[in-house]
Amino acid sequence: MSHADDMTRLAESLAAGDHVTALRLAHTLKGTAATLGVDYLSAKAASLEALLRASPQAPDGEALRLEMEAISLALETLAAALKT
C-alpha cells in the first residue's frame, strides 16, 4: 500500500466530516512507518493521531496543518531517497 497521498486523503476526509477515516489514515501510517523503522515519520503520524483523538469534532487547525505538512515532507523525502 502506498502512503504518498495519505495527507491529501486525510484532508479530504476531514473536509467531508469523516473523522473515522482521517483517524484510520493517521493510525495506519504510524504503524507502517514504525514497522519500517522510519521513526521520525512514525512519531509525526502519532502526533497527528493524538491531535485527531484529542478533539474529534474540532481538532486544532494550525497544529493539524503543521503536522500534516511535516508528514508530507517526510513522505516526499523518503520517496526521493528510495528512487536513488
PDB file of N, CA and C in Angstrom:
ATOM      1  N   MET A   1       0.841  -1.189   0.000  1.00  0.00           N
ATOM      2  CA  MET A   1       0.000   0.000   0.000  1.00  0.00           C
ATOM      3  C   MET A   1       0.881   1.246   0.000  1.00  0.00           C
ATOM      4  N   SER A   2       0.565   2.195  -0.839  1.00  0.00           N
ATOM      5  CA  SER A   2       1.299   3.452  -0.914  1.00  0.00           C
ATOM      6  C   SER A   2       0.677   4.467   0.040  1.00  0.00           C
ATOM      7  N   HIS A   3       1.529   5.230   0.661  1.00  0.00           N
ATOM      8  CA  HIS A   3       1.055   6.249   1.586  1.00  0.00           C
ATOM      9  C   HIS A   3       1.328   7.658   1.060  1.00  0.00           C
ATOM     10  N   ALA A   4       1.765   7.764  -0.188  1.00  0.00           N
ATOM     11  CA  ALA A   4       2.153   9.056  -0.753  1.00  0.00           C
ATOM     12  C   ALA A   4       1.035  10.087  -0.704  1.00  0.00           C
ATOM     13  N   ASP A   5      -0.182   9.664  -0.854  1.00  0.00           N
ATOM     14  CA  ASP A   5      -1.301  10.611  -0.889  1.00  0.00           C
ATOM     15  C   ASP A   5      -2.124  10.613   0.404  1.00  0.00           C
ATOM     16  N   ASP A   6      -1.566  10.063   1.480  1.00  0.00           N
ATOM     17  CA  ASP A   6      -2.312   9.971   2.736  1.00  0.00           C
ATOM     18  C   ASP A   6      -2.764  11.328   3.267  1.00  0.00           C
ATOM     19  N   MET A   7      -1.919  12.347   3.186  1.00  0.00           N
ATOM     20  CA  MET A   7      -2.298  13.638   3.750  1.00  0.00           C
ATOM     21  C   MET A   7      -3.382  14.310   2.910  1.00  0.00           C
ATOM     22  N   THR A   8      -3.369  14.076   1.605  1.00  0.00           N
ATOM     23  CA  THR A   8      -4.449  14.582   0.747  1.00  0.00           C
ATOM     24  C   THR A   8      -5.753  13.882   1.108  1.00  0.00           C
ATOM     25  N   ARG A   9      -5.678  12.567   1.255  1.00  0.00           N
ATOM     26  CA  ARG A   9      -6.872  11.796   1.618  1.00  0.00           C
ATOM     27  C   ARG A   9      -7.368  12.176   3.004  1.00  0.00           C
ATOM     28  N   LEU A  10      -6.439  12.424   3.932  1.00  0.00           N
ATOM     29  CA  LEU A  10      -6.819  12.813   5.281  1.00  0.00           C
ATOM     30  C   LEU A  10      -7.513  14.172   5.263  1.00  0.00           C
ATOM     31  N   ALA A  11      -6.966  15.114   4.518  1.00  0.00           N
ATOM     32  CA  ALA A  11      -7.584  16.443   4.416  1.00  0.00           C
ATOM     33  C   ALA A  11      -8.981  16.341   3.810  1.00  0.00           C
ATOM     34  N   GLU A  12      -9.126  15.519   2.784  1.00  0.00           N
ATOM     35  CA  GLU A  12     -10.434  15.320   2.154  1.00  0.00           C
ATOM     36  C   GLU A  12     -11.417  14.691   3.139  1.00  0.00           C
ATOM     37  N   SER A  13     -10.938  13.747   3.919  1.00  0.00           N
ATOM     38  CA  SER A  13     -11.795  13.097   4.916  1.00  0.00           C
ATOM     39  C   SER A  13     -12.274  14.104   5.953  1.00  0.00           C
ATOM     40  N   LEU A  14     -11.358  14.929   6.440  1.00  0.00           N
ATOM     41  CA  LEU A  14     -11.747  15.940   7.429  1.00  0.00           C
ATOM     42  C   LEU A  14     -12.728  16.943   6.834  1.00  0.00           C
ATOM     43  N   ALA A  15     -12.492  17.357   5.595  1.00  0.00           N
ATOM     44  CA  ALA A  15     -13.388  18.311   4.937  1.00  0.00           C
ATOM     45  C   ALA A  15     -14.789  17.725   4.770  1.00  0.00           C
ATOM     46  N   ALA A  16     -14.850  16.413   4.591  1.00  0.00           N
ATOM     47  CA  ALA A  16     -16.138  15.732   4.425  1.00  0.00           C
ATOM     48  C   ALA A  16     -16.767  15.349   5.760  1.00  0.00           C
ATOM     49  N   GLY A  17     -16.060  15.644   6.859  1.00  0.00           N
ATOM     50  CA  GLY A  17     -16.581  15.286   8.171  1.00  0.00           C
ATOM     51  C   GLY A  17     -16.400  13.821   8.524  1.00  0.00           C
ATOM     52  N   ASP A  18     -15.537  13.138   7.784  1.00  0.00           N
ATOM     53  CA  ASP A  18     -15.297  11.710   8.010  1.00  0.00           C
ATOM     54  C   ASP A  18     -14.089  11.546   8.937  1.00  0.00           C
ATOM     55  N   HIS A  19     -14.331  11.765  10.208  1.00  0.00           N
ATOM     56  CA  HIS A  19     -13.265  11.704  11.209  1.00  0.00           C
ATOM     57  C   HIS A  19     -12.715  10.281  11.364  1.00  0.00           C
ATOM     58  N   VAL A  20     -13.542   9.292  11.199  1.00  0.00           N
ATOM     59  CA  VAL A  20     -13.118   7.900  11.346  1.00  0.00           C
ATOM     60  C   VAL A  20     -12.041   7.562  10.311  1.00  0.00           C
ATOM     61  N   THR A  21     -12.253   7.952   9.072  1.00  0.00           N
ATOM     62  CA  THR A  21     -11.268   7.671   8.025  1.00  0.00           C
ATOM     63  C   THR A  21      -9.990   8.455   8.264  1.00  0.00           C
ATOM     64  N   ALA A  22     -10.109   9.708   8.672  1.00  0.00           N
ATOM     65  CA  ALA A  22      -8.920  10.522   8.953  1.00  0.00           C
ATOM     66  C   ALA A  22      -8.089   9.876  10.056  1.00  0.00           C
ATOM     67  N   LEU A  23      -8.740   9.433  11.094  1.00  0.00           N
ATOM     68  CA  LEU A  23      -8.049   8.788  12.208  1.00  0.00           C
ATOM     69  C   LEU A  23      -7.399   7.476  11.764  1.00  0.00           C
ATOM     70  N   ARG A  24      -8.103   6.706  10.951  1.00  0.00           N
ATOM     71  CA  ARG A  24      -7.560   5.442  10.450  1.00  0.00           C
ATOM     72  C   ARG A  24      -6.320   5.679   9.599  1.00  0.00           C
ATOM     73  N   LEU A  25      -6.339   6.709   8.756  1.00  0.00           N
ATOM     74  CA  LEU A  25      -5.187   7.019   7.918  1.00  0.00           C
ATOM     75  C   LEU A  25      -3.963   7.355   8.772  1.00  0.00           C
ATOM     76  N   ALA A  26      -4.151   8.190   9.777  1.00  0.00           N
ATOM     77  CA  ALA A  26      -3.041   8.566  10.656  1.00  0.00           C
ATOM     78  C   ALA A  26      -2.513   7.337  11.395  1.00  0.00           C
ATOM     79  N   HIS A  27      -3.413   6.530  11.909  1.00  0.00           N
ATOM     80  CA  HIS A  27      -3.023   5.340  12.666  1.00  0.00           C
ATOM     81  C   HIS A  27      -2.270   4.338  11.784  1.00  0.00           C
ATOM     82  N   THR A  28      -2.757   4.107  10.592  1.00  0.00           N
ATOM     83  CA  THR A  28      -2.128   3.157   9.680  1.00  0.00           C
ATOM     84  C   THR A  28      -0.742   3.638   9.266  1.00  0.00           C
ATOM     85  N   LEU A  29      -0.619   4.923   8.984  1.00  0.00           N
ATOM     86  CA  LEU A  29       0.686   5.479   8.611  1.00  0.00           C
ATOM     87  C   LEU A  29       1.665   5.336   9.769  1.00  0.00           C
ATOM     88  N   LYS A  30       1.205   5.603  10.979  1.00  0.00           N
ATOM     89  CA  LYS A  30       2.051   5.458  12.172  1.00  0.00           C
ATOM     90  C   LYS A  30       2.594   4.039  12.268  1.00  0.00           C
ATOM     91  N   GLY A  31       1.725   3.061  12.127  1.00  0.00           N
ATOM     92  CA  GLY A  31       2.144   1.666  12.233  1.00  0.00           C
ATOM     93  C   GLY A  31       3.057   1.226  11.110  1.00  0.00           C
ATOM     94  N   THR A  32       2.752   1.633   9.901  1.00  0.00           N
ATOM     95  CA  THR A  32       3.586   1.266   8.757  1.00  0.00           C
ATOM     96  C   THR A  32       4.979   1.858   8.906  1.00  0.00           C
ATOM     97  N   ALA A  33       5.048   3.128   9.267  1.00  0.00           N
ATOM     98  CA  ALA A  33       6.348   3.781   9.446  1.00  0.00           C
ATOM     99  C   ALA A  33       7.139   3.102  10.565  1.00  0.00           C
ATOM    100  N   ALA A  34       6.481   2.750  11.654  1.00  0.00           N
ATOM    101  CA  ALA A  34       7.162   2.075  12.759  1.00  0.00           C
ATOM    102  C   ALA A  34       7.692   0.715  12.319  1.00  0.00           C
ATOM    103  N   THR A  35       6.887  -0.013  11.569  1.00  0.00           N
ATOM    104  CA  THR A  35       7.302  -1.329  11.077  1.00  0.00           C
ATOM    105  C   THR A  35       8.541  -1.225  10.200  1.00  0.00           C
ATOM    106  N   LEU A  36       8.607  -0.159   9.409  1.00  0.00           N
ATOM    107  CA  LEU A  36       9.740   0.038   8.502  1.00  0.00           C
ATOM    108  C   LEU A  36      10.931   0.709   9.176  1.00  0.00           C
ATOM    109  N   GLY A  37      10.765   1.117  10.427  1.00  0.00           N
ATOM    110  CA  GLY A  37      11.855   1.758  11.150  1.00  0.00           C
ATOM    111  C   GLY A  37      12.050   3.224  10.804  1.00  0.00           C
ATOM    112  N   VAL A  38      11.021   3.843  10.250  1.00  0.00           N
ATOM    113  CA  VAL A  38      11.080   5.264   9.915  1.00  0.00           C
ATOM    114  C   VAL A  38      10.510   6.019  11.122  1.00  0.00           C
ATOM    115  N   ASP A  39      11.356   6.135  12.131  1.00  0.00           N
ATOM    116  CA  ASP A  39      10.914   6.620  13.436  1.00  0.00           C
ATOM    117  C   ASP A  39      10.348   8.035  13.410  1.00  0.00           C
ATOM    118  N   TYR A  40      10.988   8.949  12.666  1.00  0.00           N
ATOM    119  CA  TYR A  40      10.505  10.328  12.607  1.00  0.00           C
ATOM    120  C   TYR A  40       9.090  10.362  12.042  1.00  0.00           C
ATOM    121  N   LEU A  41       8.871   9.651  10.962  1.00  0.00           N
ATOM    122  CA  LEU A  41       7.557   9.634  10.329  1.00  0.00           C
ATOM    123  C   LEU A  41       6.524   8.990  11.259  1.00  0.00           C
ATOM    124  N   SER A  42       6.907   7.933  11.927  1.00  0.00           N
ATOM    125  CA  SER A  42       6.001   7.279  12.869  1.00  0.00           C
ATOM    126  C   SER A  42       5.629   8.232  14.008  1.00  0.00           C
ATOM    127  N   ALA A  43       6.604   8.977  14.510  1.00  0.00           N
ATOM    128  CA  ALA A  43       6.342   9.930  15.597  1.00  0.00           C
ATOM    129  C   ALA A  43       5.424  11.053  15.137  1.00  0.00           C
ATOM    130  N   LYS A  44       5.638  11.545  13.928  1.00  0.00           N
ATOM    131  CA  LYS A  44       4.776  12.610  13.397  1.00  0.00           C
ATOM    132  C   LYS A  44       3.348  12.090  13.189  1.00  0.00           C
ATOM    133  N   ALA A  45       3.215  10.887  12.683  1.00  0.00           N
ATOM    134  CA  ALA A  45       1.888  10.301  12.496  1.00  0.00           C
ATOM    135  C   ALA A  45       1.213  10.070  13.846  1.00  0.00           C
ATOM    136  N   ALA A  46       1.995   9.699  14.864  1.00  0.00           N
ATOM    137  CA  ALA A  46       1.444   9.520  16.204  1.00  0.00           C
ATOM    138  C   ALA A  46       0.941  10.850  16.758  1.00  0.00           C
ATOM    139  N   SER A  47       1.691  11.922  16.515  1.00  0.00           N
ATOM    140  CA  SER A  47       1.255  13.253  16.952  1.00  0.00           C
ATOM    141  C   SER A  47      -0.033  13.661  16.250  1.00  0.00           C
ATOM    142  N   LEU A  48      -0.097  13.372  14.962  1.00  0.00           N
ATOM    143  CA  LEU A  48      -1.298  13.685  14.193  1.00  0.00           C
ATOM    144  C   LEU A  48      -2.486  12.885  14.723  1.00  0.00           C
ATOM    145  N   GLU A  49      -2.267  11.619  14.977  1.00  0.00           N
ATOM    146  CA  GLU A  49      -3.331  10.777  15.519  1.00  0.00           C
ATOM    147  C   GLU A  49      -3.800  11.317  16.873  1.00  0.00           C
ATOM    148  N   ALA A  50      -2.863  11.733  17.712  1.00  0.00           N
ATOM    149  CA  ALA A  50      -3.217  12.272  19.026  1.00  0.00           C
ATOM    150  C   ALA A  50      -4.044  13.544  18.900  1.00  0.00           C
ATOM    151  N   LEU A  51      -3.693  14.401  17.958  1.00  0.00           N
ATOM    152  CA  LEU A  51      -4.477  15.617  17.729  1.00  0.00           C
ATOM    153  C   LEU A  51      -5.907  15.277  17.312  1.00  0.00           C
ATOM    154  N   LEU A  52      -6.033  14.304  16.445  1.00  0.00           N
ATOM    155  CA  LEU A  52      -7.356  13.898  15.967  1.00  0.00           C
ATOM    156  C   LEU A  52      -8.183  13.254  17.078  1.00  0.00           C
ATOM    157  N   ARG A  53      -7.526  12.496  17.939  1.00  0.00           N
ATOM    158  CA  ARG A  53      -8.234  11.848  19.049  1.00  0.00           C
ATOM    159  C   ARG A  53      -8.614  12.853  20.141  1.00  0.00           C
ATOM    160  N   ALA A  54      -7.769  13.846  20.355  1.00  0.00           N
ATOM    161  CA  ALA A  54      -7.986  14.804  21.444  1.00  0.00           C
ATOM    162  C   ALA A  54      -9.237  15.637  21.244  1.00  0.00           C
ATOM    163  N   SER A  55      -9.531  15.967  20.021  1.00  0.00           N
ATOM    164  CA  SER A  55     -10.687  16.811  19.743  1.00  0.00           C
ATOM    165  C   SER A  55     -11.337  16.364  18.443  1.00  0.00           C
ATOM    166  N   PRO A  56     -12.074  15.270  18.490  1.00  0.00           N
ATOM    167  CA  PRO A  56     -12.625  14.681  17.267  1.00  0.00           C
ATOM    168  C   PRO A  56     -13.480  15.626  16.423  1.00  0.00           C
ATOM    169  N   GLN A  57     -14.236  16.478  17.068  1.00  0.00           N
ATOM    170  CA  GLN A  57     -15.136  17.342  16.303  1.00  0.00           C
ATOM    171  C   GLN A  57     -14.457  18.594  15.763  1.00  0.00           C
ATOM    172  N   ALA A  58     -13.424  19.057  16.462  1.00  0.00           N
ATOM    173  CA  ALA A  58     -12.759  20.291  16.029  1.00  0.00           C
ATOM    174  C   ALA A  58     -11.289  20.268  16.419  1.00  0.00           C
ATOM    175  N   PRO A  59     -10.477  19.474  15.699  1.00  0.00           N
ATOM    176  CA  PRO A  59      -9.052  19.446  16.020  1.00  0.00           C
ATOM    177  C   PRO A  59      -8.422  20.816  15.777  1.00  0.00           C
ATOM    178  N   ASP A  60      -7.352  21.106  16.500  1.00  0.00           N
ATOM    179  CA  ASP A  60      -6.623  22.364  16.359  1.00  0.00           C
ATOM    180  C   ASP A  60      -6.115  22.488  14.923  1.00  0.00           C
ATOM    181  N   GLY A  61      -6.719  23.380  14.166  1.00  0.00           N
ATOM    182  CA  GLY A  61      -6.409  23.518  12.746  1.00  0.00           C
ATOM    183  C   GLY A  61      -4.960  23.823  12.447  1.00  0.00           C
ATOM    184  N   GLU A  62      -4.351  24.730  13.188  1.00  0.00           N
ATOM    185  CA  GLU A  62      -2.962  25.097  12.936  1.00  0.00           C
ATOM    186  C   GLU A  62      -2.025  23.954  13.275  1.00  0.00           C
ATOM    187  N   ALA A  63      -2.216  23.330  14.419  1.00  0.00           N
ATOM    188  CA  ALA A  63      -1.369  22.201  14.814  1.00  0.00           C
ATOM    189  C   ALA A  63      -1.531  21.047  13.824  1.00  0.00           C
ATOM    190  N   LEU A  64      -2.760  20.823  13.408  1.00  0.00           N
ATOM    191  CA  LEU A  64      -3.041  19.775  12.436  1.00  0.00           C
ATOM    192  C   LEU A  64      -2.333  20.058  11.119  1.00  0.00           C
ATOM    193  N   ARG A  65      -2.425  21.292  10.654  1.00  0.00           N
ATOM    194  CA  ARG A  65      -1.778  21.687   9.397  1.00  0.00           C
ATOM    195  C   ARG A  65      -0.273  21.479   9.477  1.00  0.00           C
ATOM    196  N   LEU A  66       0.336  21.882  10.588  1.00  0.00           N
ATOM    197  CA  LEU A  66       1.783  21.741  10.741  1.00  0.00           C
ATOM    198  C   LEU A  66       2.215  20.273  10.736  1.00  0.00           C
ATOM    199  N   GLU A  67       1.470  19.435  11.422  1.00  0.00           N
ATOM    200  CA  GLU A  67       1.795  18.003  11.429  1.00  0.00           C
ATOM    201  C   GLU A  67       1.638  17.400  10.036  1.00  0.00           C
ATOM    202  N   MET A  68       0.563  17.771   9.357  1.00  0.00           N
ATOM    203  CA  MET A  68       0.326  17.234   8.020  1.00  0.00           C
ATOM    204  C   MET A  68       1.410  17.686   7.044  1.00  0.00           C
ATOM    205  N   GLU A  69       1.850  18.925   7.149  1.00  0.00           N
ATOM    206  CA  GLU A  69       2.933  19.416   6.287  1.00  0.00           C
ATOM    207  C   GLU A  69       4.230  18.673   6.574  1.00  0.00           C
ATOM    208  N   ALA A  70       4.532  18.457   7.848  1.00  0.00           N
ATOM    209  CA  ALA A  70       5.751  17.725   8.216  1.00  0.00           C
ATOM    210  C   ALA A  70       5.703  16.289   7.685  1.00  0.00           C
ATOM    211  N   ILE A  71       4.555  15.671   7.770  1.00  0.00           N
ATOM    212  CA  ILE A  71       4.401  14.304   7.271  1.00  0.00           C
ATOM    213  C   ILE A  71       4.540  14.271   5.757  1.00  0.00           C
ATOM    214  N   SER A  72       3.922  15.211   5.073  1.00  0.00           N
ATOM    215  CA  SER A  72       4.038  15.260   3.612  1.00  0.00           C
ATOM    216  C   SER A  72       5.491  15.415   3.189  1.00  0.00           C
ATOM    217  N   LEU A  73       6.210  16.300   3.862  1.00  0.00           N
ATOM    218  CA  LEU A  73       7.621  16.499   3.547  1.00  0.00           C
ATOM    219  C   LEU A  73       8.429  15.233   3.827  1.00  0.00           C
ATOM    220  N   ALA A  74       8.155  14.573   4.934  1.00  0.00           N
ATOM    221  CA  ALA A  74       8.862  13.331   5.261  1.00  0.00           C
ATOM    222  C   ALA A  74       8.583  12.252   4.221  1.00  0.00           C
ATOM    223  N   LEU A  75       7.344  12.158   3.767  1.00  0.00           N
ATOM    224  CA  LEU A  75       6.999  11.172   2.737  1.00  0.00           C
ATOM    225  C   LEU A  75       7.697  11.484   1.418  1.00  0.00           C
ATOM    226  N   GLU A  76       7.748  12.762   1.050  1.00  0.00           N
ATOM    227  CA  GLU A  76       8.435  13.168  -0.180  1.00  0.00           C
ATOM    228  C   GLU A  76       9.924  12.860  -0.091  1.00  0.00           C
ATOM    229  N   THR A  77      10.524  13.154   1.049  1.00  0.00           N
ATOM    230  CA  THR A  77      11.946  12.897   1.252  1.00  0.00           C
ATOM    231  C   THR A  77      12.240  11.401   1.174  1.00  0.00           C
ATOM    232  N   LEU A  78      11.409  10.617   1.810  1.00  0.00           N
ATOM    233  CA  LEU A  78      11.575   9.173   1.780  1.00  0.00           C
ATOM    234  C   LEU A  78      11.430   8.626   0.367  1.00  0.00           C
ATOM    235  N   ALA A  79      10.439   9.103  -0.356  1.00  0.00           N
ATOM    236  CA  ALA A  79      10.238   8.648  -1.743  1.00  0.00           C
ATOM    237  C   ALA A  79      11.438   8.997  -2.614  1.00  0.00           C
ATOM    238  N   ALA A  80      11.979  10.201  -2.425  1.00  0.00           N
ATOM    239  CA  ALA A  80      13.151  10.617  -3.212  1.00  0.00           C
ATOM    240  C   ALA A  80      14.359   9.747  -2.870  1.00  0.00           C
ATOM    241  N   ALA A  81      14.529   9.439  -1.599  1.00  0.00           N
ATOM    242  CA  ALA A  81      15.657   8.616  -1.182  1.00  0.00           C
ATOM    243  C   ALA A  81      15.557   7.202  -1.741  1.00  0.00           C
ATOM    244  N   LEU A  82      14.353   6.699  -1.838  1.00  0.00           N
ATOM    245  CA  LEU A  82      14.154   5.341  -2.342  1.00  0.00           C
ATOM    246  C   LEU A  82      14.333   5.238  -3.856  1.00  0.00           C
ATOM    247  N   LYS A  83      14.234   6.363  -4.549  1.00  0.00           N
ATOM    248  CA  LYS A  83      14.408   6.364  -6.004  1.00  0.00           C
ATOM    249  C   LYS A  83      15.875   6.234  -6.406  1.00  0.00           C
ATOM    250  N   THR A  84      16.767   6.612  -5.506  1.00  0.00           N
ATOM    251  CA  THR A  84      18.201   6.590  -5.859  1.00  0.00           C
ATOM    252  C   THR A  84      18.799   5.213  -5.751  1.00  0.00           C
TER     253      THR A  84
END
